[in-house]
C-alpha atoms as a PDB file:
ATOM      1  CA  MET A   1     -41.404 -55.503  -4.701  1.00  0.00           C
ATOM      2  CA  SER A   2     -43.990 -56.249  -1.352  1.00  0.00           C
ATOM      3  CA  TRP A   3     -44.632 -60.113  -0.875  1.00  0.00           C
ATOM      4  CA  PHE A   4     -48.529 -58.819  -0.254  1.00  0.00           C
ATOM      5  CA  ALA A   5     -51.509 -58.471  -2.564  1.00  0.00           C
ATOM      6  CA  SER A   6     -52.256 -54.687  -3.681  1.00  0.00           C
ATOM      7  CA  LEU A   7     -55.240 -52.655  -1.089  1.00  0.00           C
ATOM      8  CA  GLU A   8     -56.066 -50.494  -3.663  1.00  0.00           C
ATOM      9  CA  ASP A   9     -57.211 -53.194  -6.122  1.00  0.00           C
ATOM     10  CA  GLY A  10     -58.947 -55.043  -3.384  1.00  0.00           C
ATOM     11  CA  SER A  11     -57.547 -57.961  -3.685  1.00  0.00           C
ATOM     12  CA  ARG A  12     -56.125 -58.173   0.218  1.00  0.00           C
ATOM     13  CA  ARG A  13     -58.267 -57.805   2.733  1.00  0.00           C
ATOM     14  CA  HIS A  14     -57.292 -56.571   5.910  1.00  0.00           C
ATOM     15  CA  PHE A  15     -58.437 -57.863   9.385  1.00  0.00           C
ATOM     16  CA  LYS A  16     -58.207 -56.719  12.928  1.00  0.00           C
ATOM     17  CA  THR A  17     -57.595 -59.994  13.807  1.00  0.00           C
ATOM     18  CA  ILE A  18     -56.654 -63.800  12.274  1.00  0.00           C
ATOM     19  CA  ILE A  19     -56.523 -67.232  13.802  1.00  0.00           C
ATOM     20  CA  ILE A  20     -55.071 -70.174  12.910  1.00  0.00           C
ATOM     21  CA  SER A  21     -54.132 -73.415  14.073  1.00  0.00           C
ATOM     22  CA  ASP A  22     -52.815 -76.823  13.455  1.00  0.00           C
ATOM     23  CA  VAL A  23     -50.299 -76.373  10.109  1.00  0.00           C
ATOM     24  CA  HIS A  24     -48.131 -79.840  11.229  1.00  0.00           C
ATOM     25  CA  LEU A  25     -44.669 -77.687   9.168  1.00  0.00           C
ATOM     26  CA  GLY A  26     -42.418 -80.557   8.841  1.00  0.00           C
ATOM     27  CA  THR A  27     -45.162 -82.927   7.987  1.00  0.00           C
ATOM     28  CA  ALA A  28     -45.718 -84.180   4.191  1.00  0.00           C
ATOM     29  CA  GLY A  29     -49.366 -83.177   4.792  1.00  0.00           C
ATOM     30  CA  ALA A  30     -48.801 -79.754   5.729  1.00  0.00           C
ATOM     31  CA  LYS A  31     -50.131 -77.006   3.007  1.00  0.00           C
ATOM     32  CA  ALA A  32     -47.596 -74.280   3.293  1.00  0.00           C
ATOM     33  CA  LYS A  33     -47.933 -73.139   0.028  1.00  0.00           C
ATOM     34  CA  GLU A  34     -51.532 -72.627   0.557  1.00  0.00           C
ATOM     35  CA  ILE A  35     -51.357 -70.728   4.027  1.00  0.00           C
ATOM     36  CA  VAL A  36     -48.374 -68.535   2.626  1.00  0.00           C
ATOM     37  CA  ARG A  37     -50.807 -67.541  -0.132  1.00  0.00           C
ATOM     38  CA  PHE A  38     -53.976 -66.736   2.349  1.00  0.00           C
ATOM     39  CA  LEU A  39     -51.627 -64.839   4.069  1.00  0.00           C
ATOM     40  CA  ARG A  40     -50.529 -63.072   0.998  1.00  0.00           C
ATOM     41  CA  TYR A  41     -53.995 -61.642   0.727  1.00  0.00           C
ATOM     42  CA  ASN A  42     -55.252 -61.686   4.140  1.00  0.00           C
ATOM     43  CA  THR A  43     -53.202 -58.963   6.179  1.00  0.00           C
ATOM     44  CA  CYS A  44     -53.908 -58.198  10.163  1.00  0.00           C
ATOM     45  CA  ASP A  45     -53.496 -56.450  13.181  1.00  0.00           C
ATOM     46  CA  THR A  46     -53.046 -59.200  15.275  1.00  0.00           C
ATOM     47  CA  LEU A  47     -52.350 -62.828  14.326  1.00  0.00           C
ATOM     48  CA  ILE A  48     -52.724 -65.651  16.304  1.00  0.00           C
ATOM     49  CA  LEU A  49     -51.077 -69.003  16.058  1.00  0.00           C
ATOM     50  CA  ASN A  50     -52.767 -71.207  18.030  1.00  0.00           C
ATOM     51  CA  GLY A  51     -50.570 -74.251  18.450  1.00  0.00           C
ATOM     52  CA  ASP A  52     -49.521 -77.082  16.167  1.00  0.00           C
ATOM     53  CA  ILE A  53     -47.347 -74.987  13.968  1.00  0.00           C
ATOM     54  CA  ILE A  54     -44.279 -76.657  13.922  1.00  0.00           C
ATOM     55  CA  ASP A  55     -45.028 -80.895  14.615  1.00  0.00           C
ATOM     56  CA  GLY A  56     -42.002 -81.767  16.478  1.00  0.00           C
ATOM     57  CA  TRP A  57     -43.330 -84.811  16.998  1.00  0.00           C
ATOM     58  CA  GLU A  58     -43.132 -86.083  13.223  1.00  0.00           C
ATOM     59  CA  LEU A  59     -39.739 -84.043  12.775  1.00  0.00           C
ATOM     60  CA  LYS A  60     -37.955 -86.383  15.562  1.00  0.00           C
ATOM     61  CA  ASN A  61     -38.897 -89.249  13.204  1.00  0.00           C
ATOM     62  CA  TYR A  62     -40.524 -89.396   9.902  1.00  0.00           C
ATOM     63  CA  GLY A  63     -40.797 -85.459   9.290  1.00  0.00           C
ATOM     64  CA  SER A  64     -38.572 -83.206   6.569  1.00  0.00           C
ATOM     65  CA  TRP A  65     -38.493 -79.616   6.575  1.00  0.00           C
ATOM     66  CA  LYS A  66     -38.977 -78.286   3.598  1.00  0.00           C
ATOM     67  CA  VAL A  67     -38.365 -74.813   1.501  1.00  0.00           C
ATOM     68  CA  PRO A  68     -41.947 -73.983   1.644  1.00  0.00           C
ATOM     69  CA  HIS A  69     -41.901 -74.575   5.524  1.00  0.00           C
ATOM     70  CA  THR A  70     -39.569 -71.801   5.795  1.00  0.00           C
ATOM     71  CA  ARG A  71     -41.141 -69.403   3.283  1.00  0.00           C
ATOM     72  CA  PHE A  72     -44.117 -69.430   6.658  1.00  0.00           C
ATOM     73  CA  PHE A  73     -42.130 -67.769   8.553  1.00  0.00           C
ATOM     74  CA  LYS A  74     -40.652 -65.813   6.217  1.00  0.00           C
ATOM     75  CA  MET A  75     -43.763 -64.390   5.495  1.00  0.00           C
ATOM     76  CA  VAL A  76     -44.937 -64.214   9.588  1.00  0.00           C
ATOM     77  CA  VAL A  77     -41.970 -62.220   9.846  1.00  0.00           C
ATOM     78  CA  LYS A  78     -42.729 -59.949   6.767  1.00  0.00           C
ATOM     79  CA  MET A  79     -46.379 -59.385   7.903  1.00  0.00           C
ATOM     80  CA  MET A  80     -44.657 -57.808  11.171  1.00  0.00           C
ATOM     81  CA  GLU A  81     -42.456 -55.633   9.544  1.00  0.00           C
ATOM     82  CA  GLU A  82     -44.750 -54.372   6.997  1.00  0.00           C
ATOM     83  CA  CYS A  83     -48.100 -54.670   8.433  1.00  0.00           C
ATOM     84  CA  ASN A  84     -46.677 -54.184  11.801  1.00  0.00           C
ATOM     85  CA  THR A  85     -48.377 -57.365  13.004  1.00  0.00           C
ATOM     86  CA  LYS A  86     -48.531 -58.563  16.615  1.00  0.00           C
ATOM     87  CA  VAL A  87     -47.962 -62.446  16.557  1.00  0.00           C
ATOM     88  CA  ILE A  88     -49.009 -64.372  19.338  1.00  0.00           C
ATOM     89  CA  TYR A  89     -47.963 -67.913  19.033  1.00  0.00           C
ATOM     90  CA  LEU A  90     -49.535 -70.247  21.064  1.00  0.00           C
ATOM     91  CA  HIS A  91     -48.293 -73.812  22.420  1.00  0.00           C
ATOM     92  CA  GLY A  92     -49.871 -76.848  21.202  1.00  0.00           C
ATOM     93  CA  ASN A  93     -48.928 -80.710  21.740  1.00  0.00           C
ATOM     94  CA  HIS A  94     -46.797 -81.084  18.536  1.00  0.00           C
ATOM     95  CA  ASP A  95     -44.737 -78.053  19.485  1.00  0.00           C
ATOM     96  CA  ASP A  96     -44.389 -78.623  22.775  1.00  0.00           C
ATOM     97  CA  PHE A  97     -40.739 -78.330  22.642  1.00  0.00           C
ATOM     98  CA  LEU A  98     -41.308 -74.503  23.529  1.00  0.00           C
ATOM     99  CA  ASP A  99     -42.031 -76.373  26.924  1.00  0.00           C
ATOM    100  CA  ASN A 100     -38.553 -74.806  28.155  1.00  0.00           C
ATOM    101  CA  ILE A 101     -38.430 -71.147  26.943  1.00  0.00           C
ATOM    102  CA  LEU A 102     -42.140 -69.969  27.799  1.00  0.00           C
ATOM    103  CA  PRO A 103     -43.419 -67.591  28.193  1.00  0.00           C
ATOM    104  CA  VAL A 104     -41.342 -65.125  25.219  1.00  0.00           C
ATOM    105  CA  HIS A 105     -41.941 -61.477  24.403  1.00  0.00           C
ATOM    106  CA  ILE A 106     -39.851 -60.018  21.756  1.00  0.00           C
ATOM    107  CA  GLY A 107     -40.687 -57.200  19.766  1.00  0.00           C
ATOM    108  CA  ASN A 108     -44.229 -58.094  18.307  1.00  0.00           C
ATOM    109  CA  LEU A 109     -43.802 -61.394  18.745  1.00  0.00           C
ATOM    110  CA  SER A 110     -44.863 -63.211  22.132  1.00  0.00           C
ATOM    111  CA  ILE A 111     -44.390 -67.244  22.742  1.00  0.00           C
ATOM    112  CA  LEU A 112     -47.163 -68.296  25.449  1.00  0.00           C
ATOM    113  CA  MET A 113     -48.999 -71.285  26.451  1.00  0.00           C
ATOM    114  CA  ASP A 114     -52.577 -69.078  26.444  1.00  0.00           C
ATOM    115  CA  TYR A 115     -54.022 -65.978  25.432  1.00  0.00           C
ATOM    116  CA  ILE A 116     -56.867 -63.753  26.351  1.00  0.00           C
ATOM    117  CA  HIS A 117     -57.501 -61.704  23.636  1.00  0.00           C
ATOM    118  CA  GLU A 118     -59.773 -58.480  24.300  1.00  0.00           C
ATOM    119  CA  SER A 119     -61.504 -57.003  21.404  1.00  0.00           C
ATOM    120  CA  ASN A 120     -64.695 -54.282  20.804  1.00  0.00           C
ATOM    121  CA  GLY A 121     -65.071 -54.624  24.820  1.00  0.00           C
ATOM    122  CA  LYS A 122     -65.329 -58.713  24.863  1.00  0.00           C
ATOM    123  CA  ARG A 123     -62.729 -61.097  26.224  1.00  0.00           C
ATOM    124  CA  PHE A 124     -61.924 -64.600  24.293  1.00  0.00           C
ATOM    125  CA  TYR A 125     -60.115 -67.073  25.889  1.00  0.00           C
ATOM    126  CA  VAL A 126     -57.593 -68.905  23.234  1.00  0.00           C
ATOM    127  CA  VAL A 127     -55.465 -71.966  23.948  1.00  0.00           C
ATOM    128  CA  HIS A 128     -54.788 -74.954  21.695  1.00  0.00           C
ATOM    129  CA  GLY A 129     -57.193 -76.969  23.793  1.00  0.00           C
ATOM    130  CA  ASP A 130     -54.876 -80.566  24.282  1.00  0.00           C
ATOM    131  CA  ILE A 131     -55.322 -79.591  28.156  1.00  0.00           C
ATOM    132  CA  PHE A 132     -58.845 -81.195  27.973  1.00  0.00           C
ATOM    133  CA  ASP A 133     -57.974 -83.956  25.424  1.00  0.00           C
ATOM    134  CA  SER A 134     -57.374 -87.115  28.244  1.00  0.00           C
ATOM    135  CA  VAL A 135     -54.966 -89.061  25.299  1.00  0.00           C
ATOM    136  CA  THR A 136     -53.401 -86.350  24.550  1.00  0.00           C
ATOM    137  CA  SER A 137     -52.695 -85.206  28.189  1.00  0.00           C
ATOM    138  CA  ASN A 138     -52.767 -88.554  30.045  1.00  0.00           C
ATOM    139  CA  LEU A 139     -51.215 -91.001  27.180  1.00  0.00           C
ATOM    140  CA  LYS A 140     -48.654 -89.192  25.267  1.00  0.00           C
ATOM    141  CA  TRP A 141     -47.278 -92.553  23.691  1.00  0.00           C
ATOM    142  CA  ILE A 142     -50.627 -93.211  22.300  1.00  0.00           C
ATOM    143  CA  ALA A 143     -51.159 -90.356  21.352  1.00  0.00           C
ATOM    144  CA  LYS A 144     -48.083 -90.217  19.351  1.00  0.00           C
ATOM    145  CA  LEU A 145     -48.541 -93.434  17.842  1.00  0.00           C
ATOM    146  CA  GLY A 146     -51.931 -92.132  16.279  1.00  0.00           C
ATOM    147  CA  SER A 147     -49.923 -89.062  14.856  1.00  0.00           C
ATOM    148  CA  ILE A 148     -47.825 -91.483  13.121  1.00  0.00           C
ATOM    149  CA  GLY A 149     -51.510 -93.462  11.395  1.00  0.00           C
ATOM    150  CA  TYR A 150     -52.871 -90.446  10.498  1.00  0.00           C
ATOM    151  CA  THR A 151     -49.809 -89.545   8.540  1.00  0.00           C
ATOM    152  CA  PHE A 152     -50.684 -93.047   7.002  1.00  0.00           C
ATOM    153  CA  LEU A 153     -53.887 -91.856   6.169  1.00  0.00           C
ATOM    154  CA  LEU A 154     -52.920 -89.240   4.721  1.00  0.00           C
ATOM    155  CA  TRP A 155     -50.941 -91.003   2.275  1.00  0.00           C
ATOM    156  CA  LEU A 156     -54.143 -93.273   1.560  1.00  0.00           C
ATOM    157  CA  ASN A 157     -56.114 -90.194   1.155  1.00  0.00           C
ATOM    158  CA  LYS A 158     -54.341 -89.055  -1.916  1.00  0.00           C
ATOM    159  CA  GLY A 159     -55.486 -92.238  -3.620  1.00  0.00           C
ATOM    160  CA  PHE A 160     -59.349 -91.919  -2.122  1.00  0.00           C
ATOM    161  CA  TYR A 161     -59.023 -88.818  -3.496  1.00  0.00           C
ATOM    162  CA  ALA A 162     -58.132 -89.740  -7.199  1.00  0.00           C
ATOM    163  CA  ILE A 163     -60.777 -93.067  -7.430  1.00  0.00           C
ATOM    164  CA  ARG A 164     -63.387 -90.080  -6.077  1.00  0.00           C
ATOM    165  CA  ARG A 165     -62.504 -87.711  -8.864  1.00  0.00           C
ATOM    166  CA  LEU A 166     -62.927 -90.709 -11.575  1.00  0.00           C
ATOM    167  CA  PHE A 167     -66.406 -91.654 -10.781  1.00  0.00           C
ATOM    168  CA  GLY A 168     -67.518 -88.055 -10.566  1.00  0.00           C
ATOM    169  CA  LYS A 169     -67.495 -87.484  -6.538  1.00  0.00           C
ATOM    170  CA  GLN A 170     -66.537 -84.845  -4.381  1.00  0.00           C
ATOM    171  CA  PRO A 171     -63.210 -85.258  -2.399  1.00  0.00           C
ATOM    172  CA  TYR A 172     -64.121 -86.336   1.189  1.00  0.00           C
ATOM    173  CA  SER A 173     -61.588 -86.831   3.895  1.00  0.00           C
ATOM    174  CA  PHE A 174     -61.226 -90.658   4.772  1.00  0.00           C
ATOM    175  CA  SER A 175     -58.509 -89.922   7.222  1.00  0.00           C
ATOM    176  CA  GLN A 176     -60.381 -87.141   9.274  1.00  0.00           C
ATOM    177  CA  TYR A 177     -63.465 -89.753   9.322  1.00  0.00           C
ATOM    178  CA  ILE A 178     -61.665 -92.154  11.318  1.00  0.00           C
ATOM    179  CA  LYS A 179     -59.622 -89.432  13.394  1.00  0.00           C
ATOM    180  CA  SER A 180     -62.745 -88.337  14.346  1.00  0.00           C
ATOM    181  CA  LYS A 181     -63.834 -91.545  15.413  1.00  0.00           C
ATOM    182  CA  VAL A 182     -61.492 -92.523  17.305  1.00  0.00           C
ATOM    183  CA  LYS A 183     -61.388 -88.958  19.125  1.00  0.00           C
ATOM    184  CA  SER A 184     -64.919 -89.243  19.968  1.00  0.00           C
ATOM    185  CA  ALA A 185     -64.665 -93.243  21.014  1.00  0.00           C
ATOM    186  CA  VAL A 186     -61.793 -92.218  23.645  1.00  0.00           C
ATOM    187  CA  SER A 187     -62.937 -88.168  24.507  1.00  0.00           C
ATOM    188  CA  PRO A 188     -66.323 -87.425  23.420  1.00  0.00           C
ATOM    189  CA  THR A 189     -66.174 -84.250  21.620  1.00  0.00           C
ATOM    190  CA  SER A 190     -69.364 -82.702  23.565  1.00  0.00           C
ATOM    191  CA  SER A 191     -67.245 -83.529  26.765  1.00  0.00           C
ATOM    192  CA  TYR A 192     -64.178 -81.804  25.470  1.00  0.00           C
ATOM    193  CA  GLU A 193     -66.022 -78.400  24.544  1.00  0.00           C
ATOM    194  CA  LYS A 194     -67.661 -78.288  27.728  1.00  0.00           C
ATOM    195  CA  GLN A 195     -64.748 -78.347  29.281  1.00  0.00           C
ATOM    196  CA  LEU A 196     -63.313 -75.815  27.302  1.00  0.00           C
ATOM    197  CA  SER A 197     -66.171 -73.661  27.542  1.00  0.00           C
ATOM    198  CA  SER A 198     -66.522 -74.234  31.408  1.00  0.00           C
ATOM    199  CA  LEU A 199     -62.678 -72.910  31.292  1.00  0.00           C
ATOM    200  CA  ALA A 200     -63.809 -69.719  29.477  1.00  0.00           C
ATOM    201  CA  LYS A 201     -66.275 -69.415  31.789  1.00  0.00           C
ATOM    202  CA  PHE A 202     -63.812 -69.129  35.003  1.00  0.00           C
ATOM    203  CA  LYS A 203     -61.543 -66.633  32.941  1.00  0.00           C
ATOM    204  CA  ASN A 204     -64.181 -64.227  32.606  1.00  0.00           C
ATOM    205  CA  CYS A 205     -64.486 -64.967  28.767  1.00  0.00           C
ATOM    206  CA  GLU A 206     -67.304 -64.958  26.599  1.00  0.00           C
ATOM    207  CA  THR A 207     -65.963 -66.578  23.905  1.00  0.00           C
ATOM    208  CA  ILE A 208     -63.330 -69.999  23.846  1.00  0.00           C
ATOM    209  CA  ILE A 209     -61.021 -70.316  20.971  1.00  0.00           C
ATOM    210  CA  CYS A 210     -58.985 -73.537  20.148  1.00  0.00           C
ATOM    211  CA  GLY A 211     -57.612 -75.984  18.041  1.00  0.00           C
ATOM    212  CA  HIS A 212     -56.429 -79.214  17.976  1.00  0.00           C
ATOM    213  CA  THR A 213     -59.086 -81.620  16.820  1.00  0.00           C
ATOM    214  CA  HIS A 214     -58.825 -80.483  13.403  1.00  0.00           C
ATOM    215  CA  LYS A 215     -62.703 -79.689  13.326  1.00  0.00           C
ATOM    216  CA  PRO A 216     -63.715 -76.171  12.116  1.00  0.00           C
ATOM    217  CA  ALA A 217     -66.847 -74.685  13.987  1.00  0.00           C
ATOM    218  CA  MET A 218     -68.431 -71.800  15.342  1.00  0.00           C
ATOM    219  CA  LYS A 219     -71.269 -72.688  17.512  1.00  0.00           C
ATOM    220  CA  MET A 220     -73.151 -71.546  21.536  1.00  0.00           C
ATOM    221  CA  ILE A 221     -72.317 -74.178  24.283  1.00  0.00           C
ATOM    222  CA  GLY A 222     -74.563 -72.841  26.531  1.00  0.00           C
ATOM    223  CA  ASP A 223     -73.862 -69.177  27.143  1.00  0.00           C
ATOM    224  CA  ILE A 224     -70.609 -69.242  26.031  1.00  0.00           C
ATOM    225  CA  GLN A 225     -69.237 -69.233  22.133  1.00  0.00           C
ATOM    226  CA  TYR A 226     -67.229 -71.667  20.988  1.00  0.00           C
ATOM    227  CA  MET A 227     -65.030 -71.004  17.683  1.00  0.00           C
ATOM    228  CA  ASN A 228     -62.443 -73.887  16.383  1.00  0.00           C
ATOM    229  CA  SER A 229     -59.878 -72.884  13.897  1.00  0.00           C
ATOM    230  CA  GLY A 230     -59.704 -76.275  12.219  1.00  0.00           C
ATOM    231  CA  ASP A 231     -56.446 -76.831  10.565  1.00  0.00           C
ATOM    232  CA  TRP A 232     -54.333 -76.624   7.347  1.00  0.00           C
ATOM    233  CA  VAL A 233     -53.785 -80.010   6.754  1.00  0.00           C
ATOM    234  CA  GLU A 234     -57.015 -81.041   5.424  1.00  0.00           C
ATOM    235  CA  SER A 235     -59.997 -78.297   5.887  1.00  0.00           C
ATOM    236  CA  MET A 236     -57.650 -75.116   5.582  1.00  0.00           C
ATOM    237  CA  THR A 237     -59.742 -73.226   7.609  1.00  0.00           C
ATOM    238  CA  ALA A 238     -58.715 -70.108   9.675  1.00  0.00           C
ATOM    239  CA  LEU A 239     -60.872 -67.243  11.994  1.00  0.00           C
ATOM    240  CA  THR A 240     -61.162 -63.702  11.486  1.00  0.00           C
ATOM    241  CA  GLU A 241     -62.189 -60.616  12.806  1.00  0.00           C
ATOM    242  CA  ASP A 242     -63.077 -57.301  11.444  1.00  0.00           C
ATOM    243  CA  PHE A 243     -63.154 -54.212  13.212  1.00  0.00           C
ATOM    244  CA  GLU A 244     -66.852 -53.786  13.752  1.00  0.00           C
ATOM    245  CA  GLY A 245     -65.950 -57.196  15.632  1.00  0.00           C
ATOM    246  CA  ASN A 246     -67.677 -59.830  13.723  1.00  0.00           C
ATOM    247  CA  TRP A 247     -65.861 -63.150  13.679  1.00  0.00           C
ATOM    248  CA  ASN A 248     -66.238 -65.573  10.786  1.00  0.00           C
ATOM    249  CA  LEU A 249     -64.804 -69.083   9.831  1.00  0.00           C
ATOM    250  CA  VAL A 250     -63.551 -68.784   6.356  1.00  0.00           C
ATOM    251  CA  TYR A 251     -62.530 -71.536   4.144  1.00  0.00           C
ATOM    252  CA  TYR A 252     -59.597 -71.393   1.802  1.00  0.00           C
ATOM    253  CA  GLN A 253     -60.791 -73.537  -1.127  1.00  0.00           C
ATOM    254  CA  ASP A 254     -63.985 -70.626  -0.861  1.00  0.00           C
ATOM    255  CA  LEU A 255     -61.722 -67.729  -1.213  1.00  0.00           C
ATOM    256  CA  PRO A 256     -60.925 -65.829  -4.310  1.00  0.00           C
ATOM    257  CA  GLU A 257     -57.428 -65.881  -4.460  1.00  0.00           C
ATOM    258  CA  ALA A 258     -57.537 -70.074  -4.265  1.00  0.00           C
ATOM    259  CA  LYS A 259     -58.980 -70.085  -7.558  1.00  0.00           C
ATOM    260  CA  ARG A 260     -56.473 -67.359  -9.276  1.00  0.00           C
ATOM    261  CA  SER A 261     -54.042 -68.236 -11.483  1.00  0.00           C
ATOM    262  CA  LEU A 262     -50.417 -67.737 -10.435  1.00  0.00           C
ATOM    263  CA  SER A 263     -49.277 -64.121 -11.265  1.00  0.00           C
ATOM    264  CA  THR A 264     -45.913 -62.359 -11.421  1.00  0.00           C
ATOM    265  CA  THR A 265     -47.307 -59.450  -9.536  1.00  0.00           C
ATOM    266  CA  HIS A 266     -48.307 -61.304  -6.205  1.00  0.00           C
ATOM    267  CA  GLU A 267     -47.522 -64.672  -6.269  1.00  0.00           C
ATOM    268  CA  ASN A 268     -43.703 -64.667  -7.202  1.00  0.00           C
ATOM    269  CA  MET A 269     -40.782 -63.868  -4.116  1.00  0.00           C
ATOM    270  CA  MET A 270     -38.925 -61.142  -5.120  1.00  0.00           C
ATOM    271  CA  ASP A 271     -35.896 -62.048  -6.732  1.00  0.00           C
ATOM    272  CA  GLU A 272     -33.580 -61.528  -4.075  1.00  0.00           C
ATOM    273  CA  GLU A 273     -36.135 -64.208  -2.056  1.00  0.00           C
ATOM    274  CA  ALA A 274     -36.313 -66.391  -4.609  1.00  0.00           C
ATOM    275  CA  GLU A 275     -32.248 -66.575  -5.009  1.00  0.00           C
ATOM    276  CA  ILE A 276     -32.455 -67.424  -0.940  1.00  0.00           C
ATOM    277  CA  ASP A 277     -34.801 -70.339  -2.026  1.00  0.00           C
ATOM    278  CA  LYS A 278     -32.758 -71.781  -4.020  1.00  0.00           C
ATOM    279  CA  MET A 279     -29.529 -71.167  -1.875  1.00  0.00           C
ATOM    280  CA  GLU A 280     -31.865 -73.316   0.502  1.00  0.00           C
ATOM    281  CA  SER A 281     -32.839 -75.677  -1.664  1.00  0.00           C
ATOM    282  CA  PHE A 282     -29.334 -76.810  -2.734  1.00  0.00           C
ATOM    283  CA  TYR A 283     -28.061 -76.442   0.794  1.00  0.00           C
ATOM    284  CA  LEU A 284     -30.631 -79.097   1.922  1.00  0.00           C
ATOM    285  CA  ALA A 285     -29.791 -81.323  -0.874  1.00  0.00           C
ATOM    286  CA  GLY A 286     -26.113 -81.297   0.394  1.00  0.00           C
ATOM    287  CA  ILE A 287     -27.125 -82.058   3.235  1.00  0.00           C
ATOM    288  CA  ALA A 288     -29.213 -84.959   2.285  1.00  0.00           C
ATOM    289  CA  ARG A 289     -26.361 -86.183   0.336  1.00  0.00           C
ATOM    290  CA  ALA A 290     -23.837 -86.255   2.672  1.00  0.00           C
ATOM    291  CA  GLY A 291     -26.081 -88.210   4.722  1.00  0.00           C
ATOM    292  CA  LEU A 292     -26.612 -86.267   7.733  1.00  0.00           C
ATOM    293  CA  LYS A 293     -29.685 -85.139   9.456  1.00  0.00           C
ATOM    294  CA  ILE A 294     -30.912 -81.820  10.849  1.00  0.00           C
END
């Protein structure tokens, strides 16, 4: 049984390129199950993982690695095997443990600092974006403290969501609001975007594609197109490119697969993979009982 939805019935879409960033695997806020489901229904020729896919900062302190987080990488490997997907993993500030091994090229997998994506006669400069964040670059200890605070705000969000639902109001991200206010006070968004756009122009590219800010966007800054893939902690967004060169910012919550009930055909893992997950859960539980850390 394939891990992917069928192309024949139209439930799966195949793109030229998909770009995602800021998954933050290893944190409680990571939407690992949702992104795995997204990739089951949305395959591509090129998958660009634009930084902060694994949250090394959080894993060193209070984070924990769960079975769904492993399943994300199993899905990426399956895309490489079954769809012949080319995977580009770009360095972010939270996965800076990659510093000592860059660059890496193994088959269809490349791990890089940045990447120039060429498609339909155009050049796109793809980089995580933390290089122009003054806090991340120059005051790393403050950035790490802010990361802990953000994790706490995500925890508060759960109660905030529940209260808003009780009064019939739409979900609102209190944590994202606070983060944006702090970021704009320290490093104005307009300046950050302009600096990235200038870098794209320096690289002879018409478009800059980044992540980092957790703010999905598609807009023009002067004569440079600015695109931000958002995140998979709150926004749950991705950038997609079709074979005619059209780019779209997609929100998981708006896609048909987000509203489908789980089905045996497309949602359950193969029996063999389900057994592996059970064994992995048993193994991790045993380590926890023994008081060991991994």
